[in-house]
């Protein structure tokens, strides 16, 4: 019997504001800026890159570049994207500290 596999795409599961917020929360726990930029890129693809770029006040091309695997977005860009998603960051004490 042959098993058929398909490529898993996270964007197929980012279909609600709650799933996006939970995804970002998990990503932020990793303390990896590259992972954060990549995750924001995934969310942007799920929501529609053009519309998100417009809401963030950025060009679509610059948003693609910033949120690509090779991108290195400035904090201002990250904050614009998070705001355009209708989200905000909060800070809490590290329970492990």
PDB file of N, CA and C in Angstrom:
ATOM      1  N   UNK A   1       0.836  -1.176   0.000  1.00  0.00           N
ATOM      2  CA  UNK A   1       0.000   0.000   0.000  1.00  0.00           C
ATOM      3  C   UNK A   1       0.883   1.241   0.000  1.00  0.00           C
ATOM      4  N   UNK A   2       0.574   2.193  -0.870  1.00  0.00           N
ATOM      5  CA  UNK A   2       1.326   3.433  -0.975  1.00  0.00           C
ATOM      6  C   UNK A   2       0.678   4.499  -0.106  1.00  0.00           C
ATOM      7  N   UNK A   3       1.526   5.211   0.617  1.00  0.00           N
ATOM      8  CA  UNK A   3       1.042   6.294   1.460  1.00  0.00           C
ATOM      9  C   UNK A   3       1.298   7.603   0.728  1.00  0.00           C
ATOM     10  N   UNK A   4       0.261   8.382   0.580  1.00  0.00           N
ATOM     11  CA  UNK A   4       0.404   9.679  -0.072  1.00  0.00           C
ATOM     12  C   UNK A   4       0.539  10.744   1.001  1.00  0.00           C
ATOM     13  N   UNK A   5       1.571  11.548   0.899  1.00  0.00           N
ATOM     14  CA  UNK A   5       1.778  12.629   1.861  1.00  0.00           C
ATOM     15  C   UNK A   5       1.640  13.973   1.167  1.00  0.00           C
ATOM     16  N   UNK A   6       1.316  14.965   1.950  1.00  0.00           N
ATOM     17  CA  UNK A   6       1.258  16.332   1.439  1.00  0.00           C
ATOM     18  C   UNK A   6       2.063  17.216   2.375  1.00  0.00           C
ATOM     19  N   UNK A   7       2.531  18.309   1.851  1.00  0.00           N
ATOM     20  CA  UNK A   7       3.308  19.252   2.642  1.00  0.00           C
ATOM     21  C   UNK A   7       2.374  19.944   3.635  1.00  0.00           C
ATOM     22  N   UNK A   8       2.800  19.983   4.900  1.00  0.00           N
ATOM     23  CA  UNK A   8       2.017  20.651   5.936  1.00  0.00           C
ATOM     24  C   UNK A   8       2.244  22.148   5.822  1.00  0.00           C
ATOM     25  N   UNK A   9       1.183  22.918   5.841  1.00  0.00           N
ATOM     26  CA  UNK A   9       1.282  24.372   5.723  1.00  0.00           C
ATOM     27  C   UNK A   9       0.546  25.009   6.895  1.00  0.00           C
ATOM     28  N   UNK A  10       1.303  25.681   7.748  1.00  0.00           N
ATOM     29  CA  UNK A  10       0.723  26.291   8.947  1.00  0.00           C
ATOM     30  C   UNK A  10      -0.375  27.292   8.605  1.00  0.00           C
ATOM     31  N   UNK A  11      -0.290  27.928   7.451  1.00  0.00           N
ATOM     32  CA  UNK A  11      -1.280  28.951   7.107  1.00  0.00           C
ATOM     33  C   UNK A  11      -2.693  28.376   7.019  1.00  0.00           C
ATOM     34  N   UNK A  12      -2.810  27.080   6.757  1.00  0.00           N
ATOM     35  CA  UNK A  12      -4.126  26.448   6.684  1.00  0.00           C
ATOM     36  C   UNK A  12      -4.787  26.372   8.058  1.00  0.00           C
ATOM     37  N   UNK A  13      -3.989  26.543   9.119  1.00  0.00           N
ATOM     38  CA  UNK A  13      -4.500  26.428  10.480  1.00  0.00           C
ATOM     39  C   UNK A  13      -4.616  27.779  11.186  1.00  0.00           C
ATOM     40  N   UNK A  14      -4.200  28.823  10.515  1.00  0.00           N
ATOM     41  CA  UNK A  14      -4.282  30.173  11.087  1.00  0.00           C
ATOM     42  C   UNK A  14      -5.540  30.838  10.554  1.00  0.00           C
ATOM     43  N   UNK A  15      -6.676  30.294  10.959  1.00  0.00           N
ATOM     44  CA  UNK A  15      -7.947  30.707  10.368  1.00  0.00           C
ATOM     45  C   UNK A  15      -8.833  31.515  11.304  1.00  0.00           C
ATOM     46  N   UNK A  16      -8.287  31.893  12.459  1.00  0.00           N
ATOM     47  CA  UNK A  16      -9.061  32.733  13.382  1.00  0.00           C
ATOM     48  C   UNK A  16      -8.093  33.616  14.165  1.00  0.00           C
ATOM     49  N   UNK A  17      -8.623  34.685  14.728  1.00  0.00           N
ATOM     50  CA  UNK A  17      -7.787  35.563  15.548  1.00  0.00           C
ATOM     51  C   UNK A  17      -7.212  34.806  16.739  1.00  0.00           C
ATOM     52  N   UNK A  18      -7.994  33.896  17.292  1.00  0.00           N
ATOM     53  CA  UNK A  18      -7.519  33.121  18.441  1.00  0.00           C
ATOM     54  C   UNK A  18      -6.362  32.193  18.050  1.00  0.00           C
ATOM     55  N   UNK A  19      -6.483  31.512  16.911  1.00  0.00           N
ATOM     56  CA  UNK A  19      -5.403  30.608  16.497  1.00  0.00           C
ATOM     57  C   UNK A  19      -4.134  31.392  16.182  1.00  0.00           C
ATOM     58  N   UNK A  20      -4.283  32.579  15.616  1.00  0.00           N
ATOM     59  CA  UNK A  20      -3.125  33.423  15.333  1.00  0.00           C
ATOM     60  C   UNK A  20      -2.469  33.877  16.626  1.00  0.00           C
ATOM     61  N   UNK A  21      -3.265  34.319  17.587  1.00  0.00           N
ATOM     62  CA  UNK A  21      -2.715  34.777  18.865  1.00  0.00           C
ATOM     63  C   UNK A  21      -2.005  33.639  19.598  1.00  0.00           C
ATOM     64  N   UNK A  22      -2.591  32.452  19.611  1.00  0.00           N
ATOM     65  CA  UNK A  22      -1.962  31.309  20.275  1.00  0.00           C
ATOM     66  C   UNK A  22      -0.666  30.902  19.579  1.00  0.00           C
ATOM     67  N   UNK A  23      -0.672  30.954  18.256  1.00  0.00           N
ATOM     68  CA  UNK A  23       0.526  30.648  17.476  1.00  0.00           C
ATOM     69  C   UNK A  23       1.647  31.628  17.824  1.00  0.00           C
ATOM     70  N   UNK A  24       1.334  32.929  17.825  1.00  0.00           N
ATOM     71  CA  UNK A  24       2.352  33.932  18.157  1.00  0.00           C
ATOM     72  C   UNK A  24       2.832  33.783  19.592  1.00  0.00           C
ATOM     73  N   UNK A  25       1.941  33.462  20.498  1.00  0.00           N
ATOM     74  CA  UNK A  25       2.328  33.259  21.893  1.00  0.00           C
ATOM     75  C   UNK A  25       3.350  32.126  22.008  1.00  0.00           C
ATOM     76  N   UNK A  26       3.101  31.036  21.304  1.00  0.00           N
ATOM     77  CA  UNK A  26       4.029  29.902  21.333  1.00  0.00           C
ATOM     78  C   UNK A  26       5.368  30.283  20.699  1.00  0.00           C
ATOM     79  N   UNK A  27       5.324  31.037  19.614  1.00  0.00           N
ATOM     80  CA  UNK A  27       6.556  31.468  18.947  1.00  0.00           C
ATOM     81  C   UNK A  27       7.370  32.377  19.856  1.00  0.00           C
ATOM     82  N   UNK A  28       6.719  33.309  20.524  1.00  0.00           N
ATOM     83  CA  UNK A  28       7.437  34.236  21.404  1.00  0.00           C
ATOM     84  C   UNK A  28       8.111  33.524  22.566  1.00  0.00           C
ATOM     85  N   UNK A  29       7.565  32.411  23.002  1.00  0.00           N
ATOM     86  CA  UNK A  29       8.175  31.655  24.095  1.00  0.00           C
ATOM     87  C   UNK A  29       9.526  31.067  23.709  1.00  0.00           C
ATOM     88  N   UNK A  30       9.790  30.962  22.419  1.00  0.00           N
ATOM     89  CA  UNK A  30      11.056  30.397  21.942  1.00  0.00           C
ATOM     90  C   UNK A  30      12.207  31.407  21.968  1.00  0.00           C
ATOM     91  N   UNK A  31      11.892  32.704  22.118  1.00  0.00           N
ATOM     92  CA  UNK A  31      12.930  33.756  22.144  1.00  0.00           C
ATOM     93  C   UNK A  31      13.852  33.709  20.928  1.00  0.00           C
ATOM     94  N   UNK A  32      13.280  33.484  19.776  1.00  0.00           N
ATOM     95  CA  UNK A  32      14.047  33.380  18.533  1.00  0.00           C
ATOM     96  C   UNK A  32      13.527  34.421  17.546  1.00  0.00           C
ATOM     97  N   UNK A  33      14.306  35.491  17.304  1.00  0.00           N
ATOM     98  CA  UNK A  33      13.823  36.547  16.407  1.00  0.00           C
ATOM     99  C   UNK A  33      13.594  36.072  14.972  1.00  0.00           C
ATOM    100  N   UNK A  34      14.372  35.122  14.499  1.00  0.00           N
ATOM    101  CA  UNK A  34      14.165  34.602  13.144  1.00  0.00           C
ATOM    102  C   UNK A  34      12.844  33.844  13.082  1.00  0.00           C
ATOM    103  N   UNK A  35      12.574  33.057  14.102  1.00  0.00           N
ATOM    104  CA  UNK A  35      11.306  32.326  14.162  1.00  0.00           C
ATOM    105  C   UNK A  35      10.127  33.294  14.221  1.00  0.00           C
ATOM    106  N   UNK A  36      10.268  34.376  14.972  1.00  0.00           N
ATOM    107  CA  UNK A  36       9.197  35.378  15.049  1.00  0.00           C
ATOM    108  C   UNK A  36       8.930  35.993  13.685  1.00  0.00           C
ATOM    109  N   UNK A  37       9.977  36.394  12.977  1.00  0.00           N
ATOM    110  CA  UNK A  37       9.790  36.993  11.650  1.00  0.00           C
ATOM    111  C   UNK A  37       9.155  35.999  10.689  1.00  0.00           C
ATOM    112  N   UNK A  38       9.592  34.759  10.749  1.00  0.00           N
ATOM    113  CA  UNK A  38       9.029  33.725   9.876  1.00  0.00           C
ATOM    114  C   UNK A  38       7.560  33.484  10.221  1.00  0.00           C
ATOM    115  N   UNK A  39       7.240  33.432  11.509  1.00  0.00           N
ATOM    116  CA  UNK A  39       5.849  33.225  11.933  1.00  0.00           C
ATOM    117  C   UNK A  39       4.967  34.383  11.485  1.00  0.00           C
ATOM    118  N   UNK A  40       5.471  35.609  11.604  1.00  0.00           N
ATOM    119  CA  UNK A  40       4.698  36.760  11.128  1.00  0.00           C
ATOM    120  C   UNK A  40       4.491  36.671   9.622  1.00  0.00           C
ATOM    121  N   UNK A  41       5.485  36.164   8.907  1.00  0.00           N
ATOM    122  CA  UNK A  41       5.329  35.954   7.466  1.00  0.00           C
ATOM    123  C   UNK A  41       4.253  34.925   7.167  1.00  0.00           C
ATOM    124  N   UNK A  42       4.218  33.849   7.952  1.00  0.00           N
ATOM    125  CA  UNK A  42       3.175  32.835   7.780  1.00  0.00           C
ATOM    126  C   UNK A  42       1.790  33.429   8.037  1.00  0.00           C
ATOM    127  N   UNK A  43       1.690  34.220   9.096  1.00  0.00           N
ATOM    128  CA  UNK A  43       0.410  34.852   9.431  1.00  0.00           C
ATOM    129  C   UNK A  43       0.006  35.823   8.327  1.00  0.00           C
ATOM    130  N   UNK A  44       0.965  36.575   7.815  1.00  0.00           N
ATOM    131  CA  UNK A  44       0.674  37.521   6.731  1.00  0.00           C
ATOM    132  C   UNK A  44       0.155  36.791   5.498  1.00  0.00           C
ATOM    133  N   UNK A  45       0.753  35.647   5.180  1.00  0.00           N
ATOM    134  CA  UNK A  45       0.265  34.854   4.039  1.00  0.00           C
ATOM    135  C   UNK A  45      -1.153  34.355   4.307  1.00  0.00           C
ATOM    136  N   UNK A  46      -1.416  33.931   5.545  1.00  0.00           N
ATOM    137  CA  UNK A  46      -2.752  33.425   5.885  1.00  0.00           C
ATOM    138  C   UNK A  46      -3.798  34.529   5.808  1.00  0.00           C
ATOM    139  N   UNK A  47      -3.453  35.729   6.234  1.00  0.00           N
ATOM    140  CA  UNK A  47      -4.403  36.844   6.259  1.00  0.00           C
ATOM    141  C   UNK A  47      -4.489  37.573   4.922  1.00  0.00           C
ATOM    142  N   UNK A  48      -3.468  37.432   4.102  1.00  0.00           N
ATOM    143  CA  UNK A  48      -3.395  38.154   2.834  1.00  0.00           C
ATOM    144  C   UNK A  48      -2.325  39.223   2.926  1.00  0.00           C
ATOM    145  N   UNK A  49      -1.218  38.994   2.284  1.00  0.00           N
ATOM    146  CA  UNK A  49      -0.055  39.868   2.384  1.00  0.00           C
ATOM    147  C   UNK A  49      -0.382  41.298   1.938  1.00  0.00           C
ATOM    148  N   UNK A  50      -1.112  41.447   0.861  1.00  0.00           N
ATOM    149  CA  UNK A  50      -1.414  42.781   0.332  1.00  0.00           C
ATOM    150  C   UNK A  50      -2.239  43.597   1.324  1.00  0.00           C
ATOM    151  N   UNK A  51      -3.276  42.986   1.869  1.00  0.00           N
ATOM    152  CA  UNK A  51      -4.141  43.695   2.809  1.00  0.00           C
ATOM    153  C   UNK A  51      -3.395  44.021   4.099  1.00  0.00           C
ATOM    154  N   UNK A  52      -2.596  43.097   4.592  1.00  0.00           N
ATOM    155  CA  UNK A  52      -1.841  43.334   5.815  1.00  0.00           C
ATOM    156  C   UNK A  52      -0.807  44.439   5.608  1.00  0.00           C
ATOM    157  N   UNK A  53      -0.150  44.439   4.464  1.00  0.00           N
ATOM    158  CA  UNK A  53       0.827  45.491   4.160  1.00  0.00           C
ATOM    159  C   UNK A  53       0.136  46.852   4.142  1.00  0.00           C
ATOM    160  N   UNK A  54      -1.043  46.917   3.536  1.00  0.00           N
ATOM    161  CA  UNK A  54      -1.781  48.182   3.491  1.00  0.00           C
ATOM    162  C   UNK A  54      -2.114  48.655   4.898  1.00  0.00           C
ATOM    163  N   UNK A  55      -2.630  47.752   5.740  1.00  0.00           N
ATOM    164  CA  UNK A  55      -2.986  48.120   7.110  1.00  0.00           C
ATOM    165  C   UNK A  55      -1.767  48.536   7.930  1.00  0.00           C
ATOM    166  N   UNK A  56      -0.618  47.933   7.632  1.00  0.00           N
ATOM    167  CA  UNK A  56       0.608  48.245   8.375  1.00  0.00           C
ATOM    168  C   UNK A  56       1.310  49.482   7.833  1.00  0.00           C
ATOM    169  N   UNK A  57       0.846  49.985   6.692  1.00  0.00           N
ATOM    170  CA  UNK A  57       1.479  51.158   6.090  1.00  0.00           C
ATOM    171  C   UNK A  57       2.818  50.837   5.442  1.00  0.00           C
ATOM    172  N   UNK A  58       2.931  49.621   4.922  1.00  0.00           N
ATOM    173  CA  UNK A  58       4.162  49.173   4.281  1.00  0.00           C
ATOM    174  C   UNK A  58       3.854  48.709   2.867  1.00  0.00           C
ATOM    175  N   UNK A  59       4.870  48.676   2.011  1.00  0.00           N
ATOM    176  CA  UNK A  59       4.647  48.109   0.681  1.00  0.00           C
ATOM    177  C   UNK A  59       4.641  46.588   0.807  1.00  0.00           C
ATOM    178  N   UNK A  60       3.921  45.952  -0.077  1.00  0.00           N
ATOM    179  CA  UNK A  60       3.836  44.493  -0.067  1.00  0.00           C
ATOM    180  C   UNK A  60       5.221  43.875  -0.240  1.00  0.00           C
ATOM    181  N   UNK A  61       6.015  44.456  -1.134  1.00  0.00           N
ATOM    182  CA  UNK A  61       7.344  43.926  -1.407  1.00  0.00           C
ATOM    183  C   UNK A  61       8.254  44.026  -0.182  1.00  0.00           C
ATOM    184  N   UNK A  62       8.200  45.164   0.516  1.00  0.00           N
ATOM    185  CA  UNK A  62       9.060  45.306   1.693  1.00  0.00           C
ATOM    186  C   UNK A  62       8.607  44.374   2.807  1.00  0.00           C
ATOM    187  N   UNK A  63       7.308  44.133   2.895  1.00  0.00           N
ATOM    188  CA  UNK A  63       6.805  43.205   3.906  1.00  0.00           C
ATOM    189  C   UNK A  63       7.258  41.778   3.585  1.00  0.00           C
ATOM    190  N   UNK A  64       7.166  41.379   2.324  1.00  0.00           N
ATOM    191  CA  UNK A  64       7.669  40.064   1.920  1.00  0.00           C
ATOM    192  C   UNK A  64       9.141  39.922   2.291  1.00  0.00           C
ATOM    193  N   UNK A  65       9.945  40.934   1.953  1.00  0.00           N
ATOM    194  CA  UNK A  65      11.387  40.885   2.244  1.00  0.00           C
ATOM    195  C   UNK A  65      11.643  40.796   3.735  1.00  0.00           C
ATOM    196  N   UNK A  66      10.985  41.646   4.512  1.00  0.00           N
ATOM    197  CA  UNK A  66      11.231  41.700   5.951  1.00  0.00           C
ATOM    198  C   UNK A  66      10.851  40.400   6.640  1.00  0.00           C
ATOM    199  N   UNK A  67       9.782  39.768   6.181  1.00  0.00           N
ATOM    200  CA  UNK A  67       9.273  38.582   6.863  1.00  0.00           C
ATOM    201  C   UNK A  67       9.687  37.278   6.192  1.00  0.00           C
ATOM    202  N   UNK A  68      10.654  37.349   5.291  1.00  0.00           N
ATOM    203  CA  UNK A  68      11.166  36.132   4.659  1.00  0.00           C
ATOM    204  C   UNK A  68      12.174  35.468   5.589  1.00  0.00           C
ATOM    205  N   UNK A  69      12.575  34.264   5.248  1.00  0.00           N
ATOM    206  CA  UNK A  69      13.556  33.537   6.064  1.00  0.00           C
ATOM    207  C   UNK A  69      14.888  34.288   6.117  1.00  0.00           C
ATOM    208  N   UNK A  70      15.204  35.058   5.089  1.00  0.00           N
ATOM    209  CA  UNK A  70      16.449  35.825   5.055  1.00  0.00           C
ATOM    210  C   UNK A  70      16.274  37.239   5.589  1.00  0.00           C
ATOM    211  N   UNK A  71      15.044  37.627   5.870  1.00  0.00           N
ATOM    212  CA  UNK A  71      14.761  38.982   6.322  1.00  0.00           C
ATOM    213  C   UNK A  71      15.236  39.227   7.745  1.00  0.00           C
ATOM    214  N   UNK A  72      15.401  40.488   8.057  1.00  0.00           N
ATOM    215  CA  UNK A  72      15.796  40.883   9.413  1.00  0.00           C
ATOM    216  C   UNK A  72      15.005  42.148   9.744  1.00  0.00           C
ATOM    217  N   UNK A  73      13.713  41.994  10.038  1.00  0.00           N
ATOM    218  CA  UNK A  73      12.866  43.174  10.207  1.00  0.00           C
ATOM    219  C   UNK A  73      13.239  43.978  11.453  1.00  0.00           C
ATOM    220  N   UNK A  74      13.079  45.278  11.327  1.00  0.00           N
ATOM    221  CA  UNK A  74      13.276  46.149  12.486  1.00  0.00           C
ATOM    222  C   UNK A  74      12.091  45.966  13.429  1.00  0.00           C
ATOM    223  N   UNK A  75      12.307  46.323  14.673  1.00  0.00           N
ATOM    224  CA  UNK A  75      11.235  46.207  15.669  1.00  0.00           C
ATOM    225  C   UNK A  75      10.032  47.046  15.246  1.00  0.00           C
ATOM    226  N   UNK A  76      10.267  48.181  14.624  1.00  0.00           N
ATOM    227  CA  UNK A  76       9.157  49.027  14.174  1.00  0.00           C
ATOM    228  C   UNK A  76       8.278  48.284  13.172  1.00  0.00           C
ATOM    229  N   UNK A  77       8.892  47.516  12.281  1.00  0.00           N
ATOM    230  CA  UNK A  77       8.131  46.744  11.298  1.00  0.00           C
ATOM    231  C   UNK A  77       7.320  45.661  11.995  1.00  0.00           C
ATOM    232  N   UNK A  78       7.943  44.978  12.945  1.00  0.00           N
ATOM    233  CA  UNK A  78       7.240  43.933  13.692  1.00  0.00           C
ATOM    234  C   UNK A  78       6.035  44.522  14.416  1.00  0.00           C
ATOM    235  N   UNK A  79       6.223  45.670  15.048  1.00  0.00           N
ATOM    236  CA  UNK A  79       5.123  46.295  15.778  1.00  0.00           C
ATOM    237  C   UNK A  79       4.008  46.743  14.836  1.00  0.00           C
ATOM    238  N   UNK A  80       4.368  47.246  13.652  1.00  0.00           N
ATOM    239  CA  UNK A  80       3.351  47.640  12.671  1.00  0.00           C
ATOM    240  C   UNK A  80       2.530  46.433  12.237  1.00  0.00           C
ATOM    241  N   UNK A  81       3.208  45.323  11.997  1.00  0.00           N
ATOM    242  CA  UNK A  81       2.512  44.117  11.558  1.00  0.00           C
ATOM    243  C   UNK A  81       1.599  43.600  12.667  1.00  0.00           C
ATOM    244  N   UNK A  82       2.102  43.554  13.881  1.00  0.00           N
ATOM    245  CA  UNK A  82       1.285  43.083  15.004  1.00  0.00           C
ATOM    246  C   UNK A  82       0.063  43.982  15.185  1.00  0.00           C
ATOM    247  N   UNK A  83       0.264  45.292  15.066  1.00  0.00           N
ATOM    248  CA  UNK A  83      -0.860  46.223  15.160  1.00  0.00           C
ATOM    249  C   UNK A  83      -1.856  46.039  14.030  1.00  0.00           C
ATOM    250  N   UNK A  84      -1.349  45.814  12.821  1.00  0.00           N
ATOM    251  CA  UNK A  84      -2.228  45.613  11.673  1.00  0.00           C
ATOM    252  C   UNK A  84      -3.039  44.327  11.811  1.00  0.00           C
ATOM    253  N   UNK A  85      -2.517  43.380  12.571  1.00  0.00           N
ATOM    254  CA  UNK A  85      -3.252  42.150  12.837  1.00  0.00           C
ATOM    255  C   UNK A  85      -4.306  42.331  13.924  1.00  0.00           C
ATOM    256  N   UNK A  86      -4.316  43.511  14.533  1.00  0.00           N
ATOM    257  CA  UNK A  86      -5.260  43.763  15.610  1.00  0.00           C
ATOM    258  C   UNK A  86      -4.824  43.148  16.928  1.00  0.00           C
ATOM    259  N   UNK A  87      -3.533  42.918  17.066  1.00  0.00           N
ATOM    260  CA  UNK A  87      -2.978  42.323  18.274  1.00  0.00           C
ATOM    261  C   UNK A  87      -2.100  43.321  18.998  1.00  0.00           C
ATOM    262  N   UNK A  88      -1.739  43.015  20.233  1.00  0.00           N
ATOM    263  CA  UNK A  88      -0.748  43.801  20.957  1.00  0.00           C
ATOM    264  C   UNK A  88       0.075  42.855  21.812  1.00  0.00           C
ATOM    265  N   UNK A  89       1.289  43.260  22.082  1.00  0.00           N
ATOM    266  CA  UNK A  89       2.167  42.442  22.920  1.00  0.00           C
ATOM    267  C   UNK A  89       1.981  42.825  24.372  1.00  0.00           C
ATOM    268  N   UNK A  90       2.065  41.832  25.220  1.00  0.00           N
ATOM    269  CA  UNK A  90       2.040  42.090  26.653  1.00  0.00           C
ATOM    270  C   UNK A  90       3.272  41.438  27.277  1.00  0.00           C
ATOM    271  N   UNK A  91       3.635  41.908  28.426  1.00  0.00           N
ATOM    272  CA  UNK A  91       4.806  41.383  29.122  1.00  0.00           C
ATOM    273  C   UNK A  91       4.353  40.799  30.444  1.00  0.00           C
ATOM    274  N   UNK A  92       4.920  39.655  30.780  1.00  0.00           N
ATOM    275  CA  UNK A  92       4.598  38.992  32.035  1.00  0.00           C
ATOM    276  C   UNK A  92       5.907  38.501  32.652  1.00  0.00           C
ATOM    277  N   UNK A  93       5.972  38.393  33.958  1.00  0.00           N
ATOM    278  CA  UNK A  93       7.183  37.880  34.588  1.00  0.00           C
ATOM    279  C   UNK A  93       7.457  36.448  34.129  1.00  0.00           C
ATOM    280  N   UNK A  94       8.714  36.139  33.985  1.00  0.00           N
ATOM    281  CA  UNK A  94       9.132  34.793  33.621  1.00  0.00           C
ATOM    282  C   UNK A  94       8.968  33.905  34.851  1.00  0.00           C
ATOM    283  N   UNK A  95       8.139  32.918  34.765  1.00  0.00           N
ATOM    284  CA  UNK A  95       7.866  32.043  35.894  1.00  0.00           C
ATOM    285  C   UNK A  95       9.061  31.161  36.237  1.00  0.00           C
ATOM    286  N   UNK A  96       9.960  30.950  35.270  1.00  0.00           N
ATOM    287  CA  UNK A  96      11.121  30.099  35.499  1.00  0.00           C
ATOM    288  C   UNK A  96      12.244  30.847  36.200  1.00  0.00           C
ATOM    289  N   UNK A  97      12.173  32.161  36.215  1.00  0.00           N
ATOM    290  CA  UNK A  97      13.270  32.959  36.790  1.00  0.00           C
ATOM    291  C   UNK A  97      13.234  32.989  38.296  1.00  0.00           C
TER     292      UNK A  97
END
